[in-house]
Amino acid sequence: IFLVEAGKTRPSMRTLELIASRTGKSLQ
C-alpha cells in the first residue's frame, strides 16, 4: 500500500479492485 500511495509502484488489477472496494470508489 505504501509503494502504491508513494507512486513507487503500480498496482495490479487485483490490487486496484481491493483498494476500490475499501475506499468505496469504482474501479473505473
mmCIF file of all heavy atoms, coordinates in Angstrom:
data_MODEL
# 
_entry.id   MODEL 
# 
loop_
_atom_site.group_PDB 
_atom_site.id 
_atom_site.type_symbol 
_atom_site.label_atom_id 
_atom_site.label_alt_id 
_atom_site.label_comp_id 
_atom_site.label_asym_id 
_atom_site.label_entity_id 
_atom_site.label_seq_id 
_atom_site.pdbx_PDB_ins_code 
_atom_site.Cartn_x 
_atom_site.Cartn_y 
_atom_site.Cartn_z 
_atom_site.occupancy 
_atom_site.B_iso_or_equiv 
_atom_site.pdbx_formal_charge 
_atom_site.auth_seq_id 
_atom_site.auth_comp_id 
_atom_site.auth_asym_id 
_atom_site.auth_atom_id 
_atom_site.pdbx_PDB_model_num 
ATOM 1   N N   . ILE A 1 1  ? 0.831   -1.200  0.000   1.00 0.00 ? 1  ILE A N   1 
ATOM 2   C CA  . ILE A 1 1  ? 0.000   0.000   0.000   1.00 0.00 ? 1  ILE A CA  1 
ATOM 3   C C   . ILE A 1 1  ? 0.866   1.251   0.000   1.00 0.00 ? 1  ILE A C   1 
ATOM 4   O O   . ILE A 1 1  ? 0.592   2.223   -0.716  1.00 0.00 ? 1  ILE A O   1 
ATOM 5   C CB  . ILE A 1 1  ? -0.947  -0.002  1.218   1.00 0.00 ? 1  ILE A CB  1 
ATOM 6   C CG1 . ILE A 1 1  ? -1.931  -1.176  1.118   1.00 0.00 ? 1  ILE A CG1 1 
ATOM 7   C CG2 . ILE A 1 1  ? -1.709  1.308   1.324   1.00 0.00 ? 1  ILE A CG2 1 
ATOM 8   C CD1 . ILE A 1 1  ? -2.848  -1.125  -0.080  1.00 0.00 ? 1  ILE A CD1 1 
ATOM 9   N N   . PHE A 1 2  ? 1.947   1.215   0.795   1.00 0.00 ? 2  PHE A N   1 
ATOM 10  C CA  . PHE A 1 2  ? 2.844   2.372   0.832   1.00 0.00 ? 2  PHE A CA  1 
ATOM 11  C C   . PHE A 1 2  ? 3.431   2.660   -0.545  1.00 0.00 ? 2  PHE A C   1 
ATOM 12  O O   . PHE A 1 2  ? 3.478   3.809   -0.996  1.00 0.00 ? 2  PHE A O   1 
ATOM 13  C CB  . PHE A 1 2  ? 3.970   2.148   1.837   1.00 0.00 ? 2  PHE A CB  1 
ATOM 14  C CG  . PHE A 1 2  ? 5.092   3.160   1.700   1.00 0.00 ? 2  PHE A CG  1 
ATOM 15  C CD1 . PHE A 1 2  ? 4.973   4.431   2.210   1.00 0.00 ? 2  PHE A CD1 1 
ATOM 16  C CD2 . PHE A 1 2  ? 6.246   2.826   0.999   1.00 0.00 ? 2  PHE A CD2 1 
ATOM 17  C CE1 . PHE A 1 2  ? 5.985   5.356   2.044   1.00 0.00 ? 2  PHE A CE1 1 
ATOM 18  C CE2 . PHE A 1 2  ? 7.265   3.752   0.836   1.00 0.00 ? 2  PHE A CE2 1 
ATOM 19  C CZ  . PHE A 1 2  ? 7.129   5.022   1.362   1.00 0.00 ? 2  PHE A CZ  1 
ATOM 20  N N   . LEU A 1 3  ? 3.897   1.618   -1.230  1.00 0.00 ? 3  LEU A N   1 
ATOM 21  C CA  . LEU A 1 3  ? 4.523   1.808   -2.538  1.00 0.00 ? 3  LEU A CA  1 
ATOM 22  C C   . LEU A 1 3  ? 3.541   2.374   -3.549  1.00 0.00 ? 3  LEU A C   1 
ATOM 23  O O   . LEU A 1 3  ? 3.894   3.224   -4.373  1.00 0.00 ? 3  LEU A O   1 
ATOM 24  C CB  . LEU A 1 3  ? 5.095   0.477   -3.035  1.00 0.00 ? 3  LEU A CB  1 
ATOM 25  C CG  . LEU A 1 3  ? 6.337   -0.032  -2.289  1.00 0.00 ? 3  LEU A CG  1 
ATOM 26  C CD1 . LEU A 1 3  ? 6.721   -1.418  -2.789  1.00 0.00 ? 3  LEU A CD1 1 
ATOM 27  C CD2 . LEU A 1 3  ? 7.497   0.924   -2.458  1.00 0.00 ? 3  LEU A CD2 1 
ATOM 28  N N   . VAL A 1 4  ? 2.286   1.906   -3.498  1.00 0.00 ? 4  VAL A N   1 
ATOM 29  C CA  . VAL A 1 4  ? 1.266   2.440   -4.408  1.00 0.00 ? 4  VAL A CA  1 
ATOM 30  C C   . VAL A 1 4  ? 0.995   3.901   -4.087  1.00 0.00 ? 4  VAL A C   1 
ATOM 31  O O   . VAL A 1 4  ? 0.958   4.764   -4.967  1.00 0.00 ? 4  VAL A O   1 
ATOM 32  C CB  . VAL A 1 4  ? -0.035  1.602   -4.306  1.00 0.00 ? 4  VAL A CB  1 
ATOM 33  C CG1 . VAL A 1 4  ? -1.155  2.269   -5.086  1.00 0.00 ? 4  VAL A CG1 1 
ATOM 34  C CG2 . VAL A 1 4  ? 0.195   0.195   -4.835  1.00 0.00 ? 4  VAL A CG2 1 
ATOM 35  N N   . GLU A 1 5  ? 0.813   4.194   -2.795  1.00 0.00 ? 5  GLU A N   1 
ATOM 36  C CA  . GLU A 1 5  ? 0.487   5.555   -2.361  1.00 0.00 ? 5  GLU A CA  1 
ATOM 37  C C   . GLU A 1 5  ? 1.607   6.534   -2.702  1.00 0.00 ? 5  GLU A C   1 
ATOM 38  O O   . GLU A 1 5  ? 1.349   7.685   -3.096  1.00 0.00 ? 5  GLU A O   1 
ATOM 39  C CB  . GLU A 1 5  ? 0.231   5.556   -0.852  1.00 0.00 ? 5  GLU A CB  1 
ATOM 40  C CG  . GLU A 1 5  ? -0.227  6.897   -0.311  1.00 0.00 ? 5  GLU A CG  1 
ATOM 41  C CD  . GLU A 1 5  ? -0.466  6.846   1.182   1.00 0.00 ? 5  GLU A CD  1 
ATOM 42  O OE1 . GLU A 1 5  ? 0.327   6.211   1.888   1.00 0.00 ? 5  GLU A OE1 1 
ATOM 43  O OE2 . GLU A 1 5  ? -1.461  7.433   1.623   1.00 0.00 ? 5  GLU A OE2 1 
ATOM 44  N N   . ALA A 1 6  ? 2.858   6.072   -2.561  1.00 0.00 ? 6  ALA A N   1 
ATOM 45  C CA  . ALA A 1 6  ? 4.002   6.955   -2.808  1.00 0.00 ? 6  ALA A CA  1 
ATOM 46  C C   . ALA A 1 6  ? 4.379   7.041   -4.284  1.00 0.00 ? 6  ALA A C   1 
ATOM 47  O O   . ALA A 1 6  ? 5.301   7.760   -4.646  1.00 0.00 ? 6  ALA A O   1 
ATOM 48  C CB  . ALA A 1 6  ? 5.205   6.462   -1.995  1.00 0.00 ? 6  ALA A CB  1 
ATOM 49  N N   . GLY A 1 7  ? 3.680   6.287   -5.131  1.00 0.00 ? 7  GLY A N   1 
ATOM 50  C CA  . GLY A 1 7  ? 3.989   6.321   -6.555  1.00 0.00 ? 7  GLY A CA  1 
ATOM 51  C C   . GLY A 1 7  ? 5.228   5.544   -6.922  1.00 0.00 ? 7  GLY A C   1 
ATOM 52  O O   . GLY A 1 7  ? 5.795   5.720   -8.002  1.00 0.00 ? 7  GLY A O   1 
ATOM 53  N N   . LYS A 1 8  ? 5.693   4.654   -6.013  1.00 0.00 ? 8  LYS A N   1 
ATOM 54  C CA  . LYS A 1 8  ? 6.887   3.864   -6.285  1.00 0.00 ? 8  LYS A CA  1 
ATOM 55  C C   . LYS A 1 8  ? 6.592   2.606   -7.089  1.00 0.00 ? 8  LYS A C   1 
ATOM 56  O O   . LYS A 1 8  ? 7.496   1.977   -7.623  1.00 0.00 ? 8  LYS A O   1 
ATOM 57  C CB  . LYS A 1 8  ? 7.555   3.458   -4.962  1.00 0.00 ? 8  LYS A CB  1 
ATOM 58  C CG  . LYS A 1 8  ? 7.998   4.631   -4.099  1.00 0.00 ? 8  LYS A CG  1 
ATOM 59  C CD  . LYS A 1 8  ? 9.146   5.370   -4.714  1.00 0.00 ? 8  LYS A CD  1 
ATOM 60  C CE  . LYS A 1 8  ? 9.666   6.453   -3.786  1.00 0.00 ? 8  LYS A CE  1 
ATOM 61  N NZ  . LYS A 1 8  ? 10.764  7.233   -4.421  1.00 0.00 ? 8  LYS A NZ  1 
ATOM 62  N N   . THR A 1 9  ? 5.339   2.218   -7.112  1.00 0.00 ? 9  THR A N   1 
ATOM 63  C CA  . THR A 1 9  ? 4.970   1.023   -7.854  1.00 0.00 ? 9  THR A CA  1 
ATOM 64  C C   . THR A 1 9  ? 3.547   1.188   -8.358  1.00 0.00 ? 9  THR A C   1 
ATOM 65  O O   . THR A 1 9  ? 2.793   2.038   -7.873  1.00 0.00 ? 9  THR A O   1 
ATOM 66  C CB  . THR A 1 9  ? 5.086   -0.233  -6.979  1.00 0.00 ? 9  THR A CB  1 
ATOM 67  O OG1 . THR A 1 9  ? 4.942   -1.397  -7.786  1.00 0.00 ? 9  THR A OG1 1 
ATOM 68  C CG2 . THR A 1 9  ? 4.006   -0.258  -5.898  1.00 0.00 ? 9  THR A CG2 1 
ATOM 69  N N   . ARG A 1 10 ? 3.175   0.379   -9.339  1.00 0.00 ? 10 ARG A N   1 
ATOM 70  C CA  . ARG A 1 10 ? 1.839   0.469   -9.911  1.00 0.00 ? 10 ARG A CA  1 
ATOM 71  C C   . ARG A 1 10 ? 1.082   -0.815  -9.588  1.00 0.00 ? 10 ARG A C   1 
ATOM 72  O O   . ARG A 1 10 ? 1.590   -1.907  -9.777  1.00 0.00 ? 10 ARG A O   1 
ATOM 73  C CB  . ARG A 1 10 ? 1.924   0.685   -11.421 1.00 0.00 ? 10 ARG A CB  1 
ATOM 74  C CG  . ARG A 1 10 ? 2.687   1.963   -11.731 1.00 0.00 ? 10 ARG A CG  1 
ATOM 75  C CD  . ARG A 1 10 ? 2.717   2.313   -13.197 1.00 0.00 ? 10 ARG A CD  1 
ATOM 76  N NE  . ARG A 1 10 ? 3.561   3.481   -13.371 1.00 0.00 ? 10 ARG A NE  1 
ATOM 77  C CZ  . ARG A 1 10 ? 3.160   4.729   -13.122 1.00 0.00 ? 10 ARG A CZ  1 
ATOM 78  N NH1 . ARG A 1 10 ? 1.935   4.952   -12.705 1.00 0.00 ? 10 ARG A NH1 1 
ATOM 79  N NH2 . ARG A 1 10 ? 3.985   5.745   -13.266 1.00 0.00 ? 10 ARG A NH2 1 
ATOM 80  N N   . PRO A 1 11 ? -0.135  -0.675  -9.090  1.00 0.00 ? 11 PRO A N   1 
ATOM 81  C CA  . PRO A 1 11 ? -0.874  -1.845  -8.616  1.00 0.00 ? 11 PRO A CA  1 
ATOM 82  C C   . PRO A 1 11 ? -1.366  -2.729  -9.749  1.00 0.00 ? 11 PRO A C   1 
ATOM 83  O O   . PRO A 1 11 ? -1.660  -2.246  -10.843 1.00 0.00 ? 11 PRO A O   1 
ATOM 84  C CB  . PRO A 1 11 ? -2.049  -1.240  -7.848  1.00 0.00 ? 11 PRO A CB  1 
ATOM 85  C CG  . PRO A 1 11 ? -2.276  0.085   -8.512  1.00 0.00 ? 11 PRO A CG  1 
ATOM 86  C CD  . PRO A 1 11 ? -0.908  0.570   -8.909  1.00 0.00 ? 11 PRO A CD  1 
ATOM 87  N N   . SER A 1 12 ? -1.467  -4.014  -9.449  1.00 0.00 ? 12 SER A N   1 
ATOM 88  C CA  . SER A 1 12 ? -2.102  -4.938  -10.384 1.00 0.00 ? 12 SER A CA  1 
ATOM 89  C C   . SER A 1 12 ? -3.604  -4.688  -10.361 1.00 0.00 ? 12 SER A C   1 
ATOM 90  O O   . SER A 1 12 ? -4.135  -3.980  -9.494  1.00 0.00 ? 12 SER A O   1 
ATOM 91  C CB  . SER A 1 12 ? -1.812  -6.383  -9.972  1.00 0.00 ? 12 SER A CB  1 
ATOM 92  O OG  . SER A 1 12 ? -2.452  -6.661  -8.735  1.00 0.00 ? 12 SER A OG  1 
ATOM 93  N N   . MET A 1 13 ? -4.307  -5.291  -11.311 1.00 0.00 ? 13 MET A N   1 
ATOM 94  C CA  . MET A 1 13 ? -5.747  -5.107  -11.370 1.00 0.00 ? 13 MET A CA  1 
ATOM 95  C C   . MET A 1 13 ? -6.410  -5.648  -10.103 1.00 0.00 ? 13 MET A C   1 
ATOM 96  O O   . MET A 1 13 ? -7.360  -5.052  -9.578  1.00 0.00 ? 13 MET A O   1 
ATOM 97  C CB  . MET A 1 13 ? -6.312  -5.807  -12.606 1.00 0.00 ? 13 MET A CB  1 
ATOM 98  C CG  . MET A 1 13 ? -7.746  -5.390  -12.935 1.00 0.00 ? 13 MET A CG  1 
ATOM 99  S SD  . MET A 1 13 ? -7.897  -3.615  -13.254 1.00 0.00 ? 13 MET A SD  1 
ATOM 100 C CE  . MET A 1 13 ? -7.034  -3.475  -14.808 1.00 0.00 ? 13 MET A CE  1 
ATOM 101 N N   . ARG A 1 14 ? -5.904  -6.761  -9.576  1.00 0.00 ? 14 ARG A N   1 
ATOM 102 C CA  . ARG A 1 14 ? -6.475  -7.319  -8.355  1.00 0.00 ? 14 ARG A CA  1 
ATOM 103 C C   . ARG A 1 14 ? -6.286  -6.362  -7.186  1.00 0.00 ? 14 ARG A C   1 
ATOM 104 O O   . ARG A 1 14 ? -7.205  -6.148  -6.382  1.00 0.00 ? 14 ARG A O   1 
ATOM 105 C CB  . ARG A 1 14 ? -5.801  -8.668  -8.048  1.00 0.00 ? 14 ARG A CB  1 
ATOM 106 C CG  . ARG A 1 14 ? -6.187  -9.286  -6.704  1.00 0.00 ? 14 ARG A CG  1 
ATOM 107 C CD  . ARG A 1 14 ? -7.663  -9.526  -6.590  1.00 0.00 ? 14 ARG A CD  1 
ATOM 108 N NE  . ARG A 1 14 ? -8.011  -10.153 -5.317  1.00 0.00 ? 14 ARG A NE  1 
ATOM 109 C CZ  . ARG A 1 14 ? -9.205  -10.091 -4.772  1.00 0.00 ? 14 ARG A CZ  1 
ATOM 110 N NH1 . ARG A 1 14 ? -10.186 -9.420  -5.370  1.00 0.00 ? 14 ARG A NH1 1 
ATOM 111 N NH2 . ARG A 1 14 ? -9.444  -10.698 -3.620  1.00 0.00 ? 14 ARG A NH2 1 
ATOM 112 N N   . THR A 1 15 ? -5.085  -5.748  -7.099  1.00 0.00 ? 15 THR A N   1 
ATOM 113 C CA  . THR A 1 15 ? -4.835  -4.774  -6.025  1.00 0.00 ? 15 THR A CA  1 
ATOM 114 C C   . THR A 1 15 ? -5.764  -3.581  -6.167  1.00 0.00 ? 15 THR A C   1 
ATOM 115 O O   . THR A 1 15 ? -6.317  -3.088  -5.176  1.00 0.00 ? 15 THR A O   1 
ATOM 116 C CB  . THR A 1 15 ? -3.370  -4.322  -6.046  1.00 0.00 ? 15 THR A CB  1 
ATOM 117 O OG1 . THR A 1 15 ? -2.527  -5.457  -5.856  1.00 0.00 ? 15 THR A OG1 1 
ATOM 118 C CG2 . THR A 1 15 ? -3.087  -3.293  -4.963  1.00 0.00 ? 15 THR A CG2 1 
ATOM 119 N N   . LEU A 1 16 ? -5.968  -3.109  -7.393  1.00 0.00 ? 16 LEU A N   1 
ATOM 120 C CA  . LEU A 1 16 ? -6.888  -1.993  -7.629  1.00 0.00 ? 16 LEU A CA  1 
ATOM 121 C C   . LEU A 1 16 ? -8.304  -2.339  -7.179  1.00 0.00 ? 16 LEU A C   1 
ATOM 122 O O   . LEU A 1 16 ? -9.015  -1.506  -6.606  1.00 0.00 ? 16 LEU A O   1 
ATOM 123 C CB  . LEU A 1 16 ? -6.900  -1.614  -9.113  1.00 0.00 ? 16 LEU A CB  1 
ATOM 124 C CG  . LEU A 1 16 ? -5.806  -0.665  -9.610  1.00 0.00 ? 16 LEU A CG  1 
ATOM 125 C CD1 . LEU A 1 16 ? -6.029  -0.336  -11.070 1.00 0.00 ? 16 LEU A CD1 1 
ATOM 126 C CD2 . LEU A 1 16 ? -5.791  0.614   -8.784  1.00 0.00 ? 16 LEU A CD2 1 
ATOM 127 N N   . GLU A 1 17 ? -8.723  -3.559  -7.459  1.00 0.00 ? 17 GLU A N   1 
ATOM 128 C CA  . GLU A 1 17 ? -10.070 -3.981  -7.062  1.00 0.00 ? 17 GLU A CA  1 
ATOM 129 C C   . GLU A 1 17 ? -10.222 -3.929  -5.540  1.00 0.00 ? 17 GLU A C   1 
ATOM 130 O O   . GLU A 1 17 ? -11.248 -3.479  -5.017  1.00 0.00 ? 17 GLU A O   1 
ATOM 131 C CB  . GLU A 1 17 ? -10.343 -5.395  -7.562  1.00 0.00 ? 17 GLU A CB  1 
ATOM 132 C CG  . GLU A 1 17 ? -10.515 -5.474  -9.079  1.00 0.00 ? 17 GLU A CG  1 
ATOM 133 C CD  . GLU A 1 17 ? -10.605 -6.910  -9.585  1.00 0.00 ? 17 GLU A CD  1 
ATOM 134 O OE1 . GLU A 1 17 ? -10.381 -7.833  -8.763  1.00 0.00 ? 17 GLU A OE1 1 
ATOM 135 O OE2 . GLU A 1 17 ? -10.881 -7.101  -10.775 1.00 0.00 ? 17 GLU A OE2 1 
ATOM 136 N N   . LEU A 1 18 ? -9.183  -4.387  -4.809  1.00 0.00 ? 18 LEU A N   1 
ATOM 137 C CA  . LEU A 1 18 ? -9.232  -4.364  -3.348  1.00 0.00 ? 18 LEU A CA  1 
ATOM 138 C C   . LEU A 1 18 ? -9.253  -2.930  -2.823  1.00 0.00 ? 18 LEU A C   1 
ATOM 139 O O   . LEU A 1 18 ? -10.011 -2.603  -1.902  1.00 0.00 ? 18 LEU A O   1 
ATOM 140 C CB  . LEU A 1 18 ? -8.034  -5.126  -2.774  1.00 0.00 ? 18 LEU A CB  1 
ATOM 141 C CG  . LEU A 1 18 ? -8.044  -6.643  -2.987  1.00 0.00 ? 18 LEU A CG  1 
ATOM 142 C CD1 . LEU A 1 18 ? -6.687  -7.235  -2.626  1.00 0.00 ? 18 LEU A CD1 1 
ATOM 143 C CD2 . LEU A 1 18 ? -9.128  -7.293  -2.152  1.00 0.00 ? 18 LEU A CD2 1 
ATOM 144 N N   . ILE A 1 19 ? -8.409  -2.063  -3.409  1.00 0.00 ? 19 ILE A N   1 
ATOM 145 C CA  . ILE A 1 19 ? -8.372  -0.660  -2.980  1.00 0.00 ? 19 ILE A CA  1 
ATOM 146 C C   . ILE A 1 19 ? -9.716  0.007   -3.259  1.00 0.00 ? 19 ILE A C   1 
ATOM 147 O O   . ILE A 1 19 ? -10.245 0.759   -2.428  1.00 0.00 ? 19 ILE A O   1 
ATOM 148 C CB  . ILE A 1 19 ? -7.229  0.084   -3.681  1.00 0.00 ? 19 ILE A CB  1 
ATOM 149 C CG1 . ILE A 1 19 ? -5.877  -0.439  -3.177  1.00 0.00 ? 19 ILE A CG1 1 
ATOM 150 C CG2 . ILE A 1 19 ? -7.331  1.594   -3.440  1.00 0.00 ? 19 ILE A CG2 1 
ATOM 151 C CD1 . ILE A 1 19 ? -4.672  0.132   -3.912  1.00 0.00 ? 19 ILE A CD1 1 
ATOM 152 N N   . ALA A 1 20 ? -10.274 -0.274  -4.434  1.00 0.00 ? 20 ALA A N   1 
ATOM 153 C CA  . ALA A 1 20 ? -11.554 0.318   -4.792  1.00 0.00 ? 20 ALA A CA  1 
ATOM 154 C C   . ALA A 1 20 ? -12.651 -0.094  -3.810  1.00 0.00 ? 20 ALA A C   1 
ATOM 155 O O   . ALA A 1 20 ? -13.448 0.737   -3.351  1.00 0.00 ? 20 ALA A O   1 
ATOM 156 C CB  . ALA A 1 20 ? -11.940 -0.088  -6.219  1.00 0.00 ? 20 ALA A CB  1 
ATOM 157 N N   . SER A 1 21 ? -12.685 -1.379  -3.456  1.00 0.00 ? 21 SER A N   1 
ATOM 158 C CA  . SER A 1 21 ? -13.734 -1.854  -2.553  1.00 0.00 ? 21 SER A CA  1 
ATOM 159 C C   . SER A 1 21 ? -13.598 -1.238  -1.166  1.00 0.00 ? 21 SER A C   1 
ATOM 160 O O   . SER A 1 21 ? -14.598 -0.952  -0.502  1.00 0.00 ? 21 SER A O   1 
ATOM 161 C CB  . SER A 1 21 ? -13.698 -3.379  -2.458  1.00 0.00 ? 21 SER A CB  1 
ATOM 162 O OG  . SER A 1 21 ? -12.512 -3.816  -1.814  1.00 0.00 ? 21 SER A OG  1 
ATOM 163 N N   . ARG A 1 22 ? -12.361 -0.990  -0.720  1.00 0.00 ? 22 ARG A N   1 
ATOM 164 C CA  . ARG A 1 22 ? -12.152 -0.476  0.636   1.00 0.00 ? 22 ARG A CA  1 
ATOM 165 C C   . ARG A 1 22 ? -12.251 1.042   0.724   1.00 0.00 ? 22 ARG A C   1 
ATOM 166 O O   . ARG A 1 22 ? -12.359 1.593   1.823   1.00 0.00 ? 22 ARG A O   1 
ATOM 167 C CB  . ARG A 1 22 ? -10.805 -0.961  1.166   1.00 0.00 ? 22 ARG A CB  1 
ATOM 168 C CG  . ARG A 1 22 ? -10.862 -2.452  1.501   1.00 0.00 ? 22 ARG A CG  1 
ATOM 169 C CD  . ARG A 1 22 ? -9.552  -3.044  1.875   1.00 0.00 ? 22 ARG A CD  1 
ATOM 170 N NE  . ARG A 1 22 ? -9.742  -4.504  2.027   1.00 0.00 ? 22 ARG A NE  1 
ATOM 171 C CZ  . ARG A 1 22 ? -8.817  -5.407  1.825   1.00 0.00 ? 22 ARG A CZ  1 
ATOM 172 N NH1 . ARG A 1 22 ? -7.612  -5.030  1.471   1.00 0.00 ? 22 ARG A NH1 1 
ATOM 173 N NH2 . ARG A 1 22 ? -9.073  -6.690  1.969   1.00 0.00 ? 22 ARG A NH2 1 
ATOM 174 N N   . THR A 1 23 ? -12.190 1.712   -0.425  1.00 0.00 ? 23 THR A N   1 
ATOM 175 C CA  . THR A 1 23 ? -12.364 3.169   -0.423  1.00 0.00 ? 23 THR A CA  1 
ATOM 176 C C   . THR A 1 23 ? -13.765 3.560   -0.865  1.00 0.00 ? 23 THR A C   1 
ATOM 177 O O   . THR A 1 23 ? -14.110 4.744   -0.849  1.00 0.00 ? 23 THR A O   1 
ATOM 178 C CB  . THR A 1 23 ? -11.341 3.843   -1.360  1.00 0.00 ? 23 THR A CB  1 
ATOM 179 O OG1 . THR A 1 23 ? -11.454 3.281   -2.672  1.00 0.00 ? 23 THR A OG1 1 
ATOM 180 C CG2 . THR A 1 23 ? -9.931  3.657   -0.831  1.00 0.00 ? 23 THR A CG2 1 
ATOM 181 N N   . GLY A 1 24 ? -14.566 2.580   -1.276  1.00 0.00 ? 24 GLY A N   1 
ATOM 182 C CA  . GLY A 1 24 ? -15.931 2.866   -1.696  1.00 0.00 ? 24 GLY A CA  1 
ATOM 183 C C   . GLY A 1 24 ? -16.015 3.541   -3.050  1.00 0.00 ? 24 GLY A C   1 
ATOM 184 O O   . GLY A 1 24 ? -17.024 4.169   -3.384  1.00 0.00 ? 24 GLY A O   1 
ATOM 185 N N   . LYS A 1 25 ? -14.956 3.422   -3.851  1.00 0.00 ? 25 LYS A N   1 
ATOM 186 C CA  . LYS A 1 25 ? -14.943 4.029   -5.184  1.00 0.00 ? 25 LYS A CA  1 
ATOM 187 C C   . LYS A 1 25 ? -15.045 2.942   -6.243  1.00 0.00 ? 25 LYS A C   1 
ATOM 188 O O   . LYS A 1 25 ? -14.772 1.760   -5.979  1.00 0.00 ? 25 LYS A O   1 
ATOM 189 C CB  . LYS A 1 25 ? -13.663 4.849   -5.396  1.00 0.00 ? 25 LYS A CB  1 
ATOM 190 C CG  . LYS A 1 25 ? -13.532 6.045   -4.463  1.00 0.00 ? 25 LYS A CG  1 
ATOM 191 C CD  . LYS A 1 25 ? -12.257 6.815   -4.744  1.00 0.00 ? 25 LYS A CD  1 
ATOM 192 C CE  . LYS A 1 25 ? -12.132 8.020   -3.837  1.00 0.00 ? 25 LYS A CE  1 
ATOM 193 N NZ  . LYS A 1 25 ? -13.161 9.040   -4.140  1.00 0.00 ? 25 LYS A NZ  1 
ATOM 194 N N   . SER A 1 26 ? -15.407 3.342   -7.443  1.00 0.00 ? 26 SER A N   1 
ATOM 195 C CA  . SER A 1 26 ? -15.491 2.380   -8.533  1.00 0.00 ? 26 SER A CA  1 
ATOM 196 C C   . SER A 1 26 ? -14.099 2.076   -9.060  1.00 0.00 ? 26 SER A C   1 
ATOM 197 O O   . SER A 1 26 ? -13.189 2.910   -8.947  1.00 0.00 ? 26 SER A O   1 
ATOM 198 C CB  . SER A 1 26 ? -16.354 2.933   -9.670  1.00 0.00 ? 26 SER A CB  1 
ATOM 199 O OG  . SER A 1 26 ? -15.693 4.022   -10.299 1.00 0.00 ? 26 SER A OG  1 
ATOM 200 N N   . LEU A 1 27 ? -13.933 0.894   -9.628  1.00 0.00 ? 27 LEU A N   1 
ATOM 201 C CA  . LEU A 1 27 ? -12.649 0.535   -10.222 1.00 0.00 ? 27 LEU A CA  1 
ATOM 202 C C   . LEU A 1 27 ? -12.283 1.499   -11.333 1.00 0.00 ? 27 LEU A C   1 
ATOM 203 O O   . LEU A 1 27 ? -11.118 1.892   -11.481 1.00 0.00 ? 27 LEU A O   1 
ATOM 204 C CB  . LEU A 1 27 ? -12.716 -0.903  -10.754 1.00 0.00 ? 27 LEU A CB  1 
ATOM 205 C CG  . LEU A 1 27 ? -11.463 -1.436  -11.454 1.00 0.00 ? 27 LEU A CG  1 
ATOM 206 C CD1 . LEU A 1 27 ? -10.297 -1.499  -10.476 1.00 0.00 ? 27 LEU A CD1 1 
ATOM 207 C CD2 . LEU A 1 27 ? -11.719 -2.810  -12.043 1.00 0.00 ? 27 LEU A CD2 1 
ATOM 208 N N   . GLN A 1 28 ? -13.284 1.939   -12.109 1.00 0.00 ? 28 GLN A N   1 
ATOM 209 C CA  . GLN A 1 28 ? -13.031 2.817   -13.242 1.00 0.00 ? 28 GLN A CA  1 
ATOM 210 C C   . GLN A 1 28 ? -12.402 4.135   -12.812 1.00 0.00 ? 28 GLN A C   1 
ATOM 211 O O   . GLN A 1 28 ? -11.617 4.731   -13.546 1.00 0.00 ? 28 GLN A O   1 
ATOM 212 C CB  . GLN A 1 28 ? -14.344 3.084   -14.003 1.00 0.00 ? 28 GLN A CB  1 
ATOM 213 C CG  . GLN A 1 28 ? -14.166 3.759   -15.351 1.00 0.00 ? 28 GLN A CG  1 
ATOM 214 C CD  . GLN A 1 28 ? -13.342 2.917   -16.323 1.00 0.00 ? 28 GLN A CD  1 
ATOM 215 O OE1 . GLN A 1 28 ? -13.433 1.702   -16.304 1.00 0.00 ? 28 GLN A OE1 1 
ATOM 216 N NE2 . GLN A 1 28 ? -12.555 3.583   -17.151 1.00 0.00 ? 28 GLN A NE2 1 
# 
